[in-house]
Amino acid sequence: MLHLPPGAKRDLGRLITRIDAEFERRTLPEPNYIELAMFGWWWTRMRER
């Protein structure tokens, strides 16, 4: 995927986790927001393995 230093990956993970949490609070997100949330979901699943 992305070749980033460990610190950047951790920050990106935090950002995506925050986006994912925000997405779960919203019932009708903006269309382009869905892609970010799906990426966040995928990212967290990949990180758990």
PDB file of N, CA and C in Angstrom:
ATOM      1  N   MET A   1       0.839  -1.189   0.000  1.00  0.00           N
ATOM      2  CA  MET A   1       0.000   0.000   0.000  1.00  0.00           C
ATOM      3  C   MET A   1       0.881   1.250   0.000  1.00  0.00           C
ATOM      4  N   LEU A   2       0.783   2.053   1.039  1.00  0.00           N
ATOM      5  CA  LEU A   2       1.595   3.261   1.145  1.00  0.00           C
ATOM      6  C   LEU A   2       2.894   2.956   1.867  1.00  0.00           C
ATOM      7  N   HIS A   3       3.966   3.529   1.378  1.00  0.00           N
ATOM      8  CA  HIS A   3       5.254   3.345   2.045  1.00  0.00           C
ATOM      9  C   HIS A   3       5.535   4.588   2.880  1.00  0.00           C
ATOM     10  N   LEU A   4       5.192   4.501   4.146  1.00  0.00           N
ATOM     11  CA  LEU A   4       5.343   5.633   5.060  1.00  0.00           C
ATOM     12  C   LEU A   4       6.181   5.222   6.258  1.00  0.00           C
ATOM     13  N   PRO A   5       6.840   6.169   6.897  1.00  0.00           N
ATOM     14  CA  PRO A   5       7.536   5.843   8.146  1.00  0.00           C
ATOM     15  C   PRO A   5       6.528   5.419   9.213  1.00  0.00           C
ATOM     16  N   PRO A   6       6.955   4.591  10.180  1.00  0.00           N
ATOM     17  CA  PRO A   6       6.039   4.072  11.213  1.00  0.00           C
ATOM     18  C   PRO A   6       5.204   5.140  11.901  1.00  0.00           C
ATOM     19  N   GLY A   7       5.801   6.272  12.217  1.00  0.00           N
ATOM     20  CA  GLY A   7       5.063   7.343  12.886  1.00  0.00           C
ATOM     21  C   GLY A   7       3.927   7.880  12.029  1.00  0.00           C
ATOM     22  N   ALA A   8       4.189   8.015  10.728  1.00  0.00           N
ATOM     23  CA  ALA A   8       3.159   8.518   9.811  1.00  0.00           C
ATOM     24  C   ALA A   8       2.020   7.510   9.697  1.00  0.00           C
ATOM     25  N   LYS A   9       2.370   6.223   9.649  1.00  0.00           N
ATOM     26  CA  LYS A   9       1.332   5.188   9.578  1.00  0.00           C
ATOM     27  C   LYS A   9       0.466   5.212  10.826  1.00  0.00           C
ATOM     28  N   ARG A  10       1.092   5.419  11.972  1.00  0.00           N
ATOM     29  CA  ARG A  10       0.337   5.467  13.229  1.00  0.00           C
ATOM     30  C   ARG A  10      -0.615   6.662  13.233  1.00  0.00           C
ATOM     31  N   ASP A  11      -0.115   7.820  12.786  1.00  0.00           N
ATOM     32  CA  ASP A  11      -0.960   9.016  12.722  1.00  0.00           C
ATOM     33  C   ASP A  11      -2.096   8.832  11.729  1.00  0.00           C
ATOM     34  N   LEU A  12      -1.787   8.221  10.583  1.00  0.00           N
ATOM     35  CA  LEU A  12      -2.813   7.953   9.578  1.00  0.00           C
ATOM     36  C   LEU A  12      -3.867   7.019  10.147  1.00  0.00           C
ATOM     37  N   GLY A  13      -3.405   6.015  10.885  1.00  0.00           N
ATOM     38  CA  GLY A  13      -4.337   5.089  11.532  1.00  0.00           C
ATOM     39  C   GLY A  13      -5.253   5.799  12.512  1.00  0.00           C
ATOM     40  N   ARG A  14      -4.691   6.722  13.289  1.00  0.00           N
ATOM     41  CA  ARG A  14      -5.502   7.492  14.245  1.00  0.00           C
ATOM     42  C   ARG A  14      -6.531   8.348  13.522  1.00  0.00           C
ATOM     43  N   LEU A  15      -6.082   9.002  12.447  1.00  0.00           N
ATOM     44  CA  LEU A  15      -6.981   9.853  11.665  1.00  0.00           C
ATOM     45  C   LEU A  15      -8.133   9.037  11.094  1.00  0.00           C
ATOM     46  N   ILE A  16      -7.803   7.887  10.521  1.00  0.00           N
ATOM     47  CA  ILE A  16      -8.823   7.025   9.924  1.00  0.00           C
ATOM     48  C   ILE A  16      -9.768   6.484  10.982  1.00  0.00           C
ATOM     49  N   THR A  17      -9.231   6.151  12.152  1.00  0.00           N
ATOM     50  CA  THR A  17     -10.088   5.677  13.247  1.00  0.00           C
ATOM     51  C   THR A  17     -11.084   6.759  13.637  1.00  0.00           C
ATOM     52  N   ARG A  18     -10.619   7.997  13.674  1.00  0.00           N
ATOM     53  CA  ARG A  18     -11.491   9.127  14.005  1.00  0.00           C
ATOM     54  C   ARG A  18     -12.558   9.319  12.928  1.00  0.00           C
ATOM     55  N   ILE A  19     -12.162   9.217  11.673  1.00  0.00           N
ATOM     56  CA  ILE A  19     -13.110   9.326  10.555  1.00  0.00           C
ATOM     57  C   ILE A  19     -14.148   8.208  10.652  1.00  0.00           C
ATOM     58  N   ASP A  20     -13.677   6.996  10.966  1.00  0.00           N
ATOM     59  CA  ASP A  20     -14.562   5.840  11.078  1.00  0.00           C
ATOM     60  C   ASP A  20     -15.573   6.045  12.202  1.00  0.00           C
ATOM     61  N   ALA A  21     -15.116   6.574  13.329  1.00  0.00           N
ATOM     62  CA  ALA A  21     -16.017   6.834  14.462  1.00  0.00           C
ATOM     63  C   ALA A  21     -17.053   7.890  14.085  1.00  0.00           C
ATOM     64  N   GLU A  22     -16.617   8.917  13.385  1.00  0.00           N
ATOM     65  CA  GLU A  22     -17.532   9.966  12.930  1.00  0.00           C
ATOM     66  C   GLU A  22     -18.555   9.385  11.955  1.00  0.00           C
ATOM     67  N   PHE A  23     -18.085   8.510  11.076  1.00  0.00           N
ATOM     68  CA  PHE A  23     -18.964   7.866  10.097  1.00  0.00           C
ATOM     69  C   PHE A  23     -20.067   7.065  10.788  1.00  0.00           C
ATOM     70  N   GLU A  24     -19.702   6.359  11.852  1.00  0.00           N
ATOM     71  CA  GLU A  24     -20.684   5.550  12.577  1.00  0.00           C
ATOM     72  C   GLU A  24     -21.754   6.416  13.237  1.00  0.00           C
ATOM     73  N   ARG A  25     -21.414   7.660  13.591  1.00  0.00           N
ATOM     74  CA  ARG A  25     -22.391   8.564  14.204  1.00  0.00           C
ATOM     75  C   ARG A  25     -23.374   9.127  13.191  1.00  0.00           C
ATOM     76  N   ARG A  26     -22.937   9.226  11.941  1.00  0.00           N
ATOM     77  CA  ARG A  26     -23.790   9.816  10.901  1.00  0.00           C
ATOM     78  C   ARG A  26     -24.671   8.749  10.263  1.00  0.00           C
ATOM     79  N   THR A  27     -25.890   9.114   9.947  1.00  0.00           N
ATOM     80  CA  THR A  27     -26.788   8.163   9.287  1.00  0.00           C
ATOM     81  C   THR A  27     -26.708   8.309   7.772  1.00  0.00           C
ATOM     82  N   LEU A  28     -26.589   9.548   7.283  1.00  0.00           N
ATOM     83  CA  LEU A  28     -26.493   9.790   5.843  1.00  0.00           C
ATOM     84  C   LEU A  28     -25.256  10.635   5.535  1.00  0.00           C
ATOM     85  N   PRO A  29     -24.093   9.982   5.436  1.00  0.00           N
ATOM     86  CA  PRO A  29     -22.861  10.721   5.152  1.00  0.00           C
ATOM     87  C   PRO A  29     -22.802  11.194   3.698  1.00  0.00           C
ATOM     88  N   GLU A  30     -21.907  12.119   3.415  1.00  0.00           N
ATOM     89  CA  GLU A  30     -21.694  12.578   2.050  1.00  0.00           C
ATOM     90  C   GLU A  30     -21.132  11.410   1.237  1.00  0.00           C
ATOM     91  N   PRO A  31     -21.484  11.342  -0.059  1.00  0.00           N
ATOM     92  CA  PRO A  31     -21.017  10.222  -0.896  1.00  0.00           C
ATOM     93  C   PRO A  31     -19.504  10.005  -0.865  1.00  0.00           C
ATOM     94  N   ASN A  32     -18.712  11.085  -0.928  1.00  0.00           N
ATOM     95  CA  ASN A  32     -17.257  10.902  -0.925  1.00  0.00           C
ATOM     96  C   ASN A  32     -16.743  10.486   0.456  1.00  0.00           C
ATOM     97  N   TYR A  33     -17.550  10.697   1.479  1.00  0.00           N
ATOM     98  CA  TYR A  33     -17.168  10.307   2.838  1.00  0.00           C
ATOM     99  C   TYR A  33     -17.246   8.797   3.016  1.00  0.00           C
ATOM    100  N   ILE A  34     -18.151   8.167   2.281  1.00  0.00           N
ATOM    101  CA  ILE A  34     -18.321   6.711   2.365  1.00  0.00           C
ATOM    102  C   ILE A  34     -17.024   6.005   1.972  1.00  0.00           C
ATOM    103  N   GLU A  35     -16.373   6.500   0.929  1.00  0.00           N
ATOM    104  CA  GLU A  35     -15.113   5.889   0.497  1.00  0.00           C
ATOM    105  C   GLU A  35     -14.064   5.957   1.596  1.00  0.00           C
ATOM    106  N   LEU A  36     -13.966   7.099   2.255  1.00  0.00           N
ATOM    107  CA  LEU A  36     -13.012   7.245   3.361  1.00  0.00           C
ATOM    108  C   LEU A  36     -13.343   6.280   4.492  1.00  0.00           C
ATOM    109  N   ALA A  37     -14.622   6.155   4.802  1.00  0.00           N
ATOM    110  CA  ALA A  37     -15.038   5.273   5.888  1.00  0.00           C
ATOM    111  C   ALA A  37     -14.765   3.812   5.527  1.00  0.00           C
ATOM    112  N   MET A  38     -15.011   3.442   4.277  1.00  0.00           N
ATOM    113  CA  MET A  38     -14.738   2.074   3.838  1.00  0.00           C
ATOM    114  C   MET A  38     -13.241   1.792   3.907  1.00  0.00           C
ATOM    115  N   PHE A  39     -12.436   2.773   3.503  1.00  0.00           N
ATOM    116  CA  PHE A  39     -10.989   2.618   3.603  1.00  0.00           C
ATOM    117  C   PHE A  39     -10.573   2.476   5.060  1.00  0.00           C
ATOM    118  N   GLY A  40     -11.204   3.256   5.929  1.00  0.00           N
ATOM    119  CA  GLY A  40     -10.918   3.170   7.361  1.00  0.00           C
ATOM    120  C   GLY A  40     -11.271   1.808   7.924  1.00  0.00           C
ATOM    121  N   TRP A  41     -12.402   1.268   7.472  1.00  0.00           N
ATOM    122  CA  TRP A  41     -12.826  -0.061   7.917  1.00  0.00           C
ATOM    123  C   TRP A  41     -11.807  -1.103   7.467  1.00  0.00           C
ATOM    124  N   TRP A  42     -11.410  -1.011   6.180  1.00  0.00           N
ATOM    125  CA  TRP A  42     -10.446  -1.960   5.631  1.00  0.00           C
ATOM    126  C   TRP A  42      -9.105  -1.839   6.360  1.00  0.00           C
ATOM    127  N   TRP A  43      -8.685  -0.585   6.595  1.00  0.00           N
ATOM    128  CA  TRP A  43      -7.405  -0.335   7.250  1.00  0.00           C
ATOM    129  C   TRP A  43      -7.367  -0.949   8.648  1.00  0.00           C
ATOM    130  N   THR A  44      -8.447  -0.761   9.419  1.00  0.00           N
ATOM    131  CA  THR A  44      -8.467  -1.306  10.780  1.00  0.00           C
ATOM    132  C   THR A  44      -8.482  -2.828  10.743  1.00  0.00           C
ATOM    133  N   ARG A  45      -9.194  -3.423   9.776  1.00  0.00           N
ATOM    134  CA  ARG A  45      -9.214  -4.889   9.666  1.00  0.00           C
ATOM    135  C   ARG A  45      -7.826  -5.417   9.316  1.00  0.00           C
ATOM    136  N   MET A  46      -7.133  -4.732   8.412  1.00  0.00           N
ATOM    137  CA  MET A  46      -5.791  -5.161   8.013  1.00  0.00           C
ATOM    138  C   MET A  46      -4.807  -5.014   9.174  1.00  0.00           C
ATOM    139  N   ARG A  47      -4.968  -3.972   9.962  1.00  0.00           N
ATOM    140  CA  ARG A  47      -4.055  -3.736  11.089  1.00  0.00           C
ATOM    141  C   ARG A  47      -4.255  -4.759  12.200  1.00  0.00           C
ATOM    142  N   GLU A  48      -5.455  -5.319  12.309  1.00  0.00           N
ATOM    143  CA  GLU A  48      -5.728  -6.289  13.369  1.00  0.00           C
ATOM    144  C   GLU A  48      -5.041  -7.629  13.111  1.00  0.00           C
ATOM    145  N   ARG A  49      -4.696  -7.899  11.839  1.00  0.00           N
ATOM    146  CA  ARG A  49      -4.092  -9.197  11.502  1.00  0.00           C
ATOM    147  C   ARG A  49      -2.597  -9.222  11.748  1.00  0.00           C
TER     148      ARG A  49
END
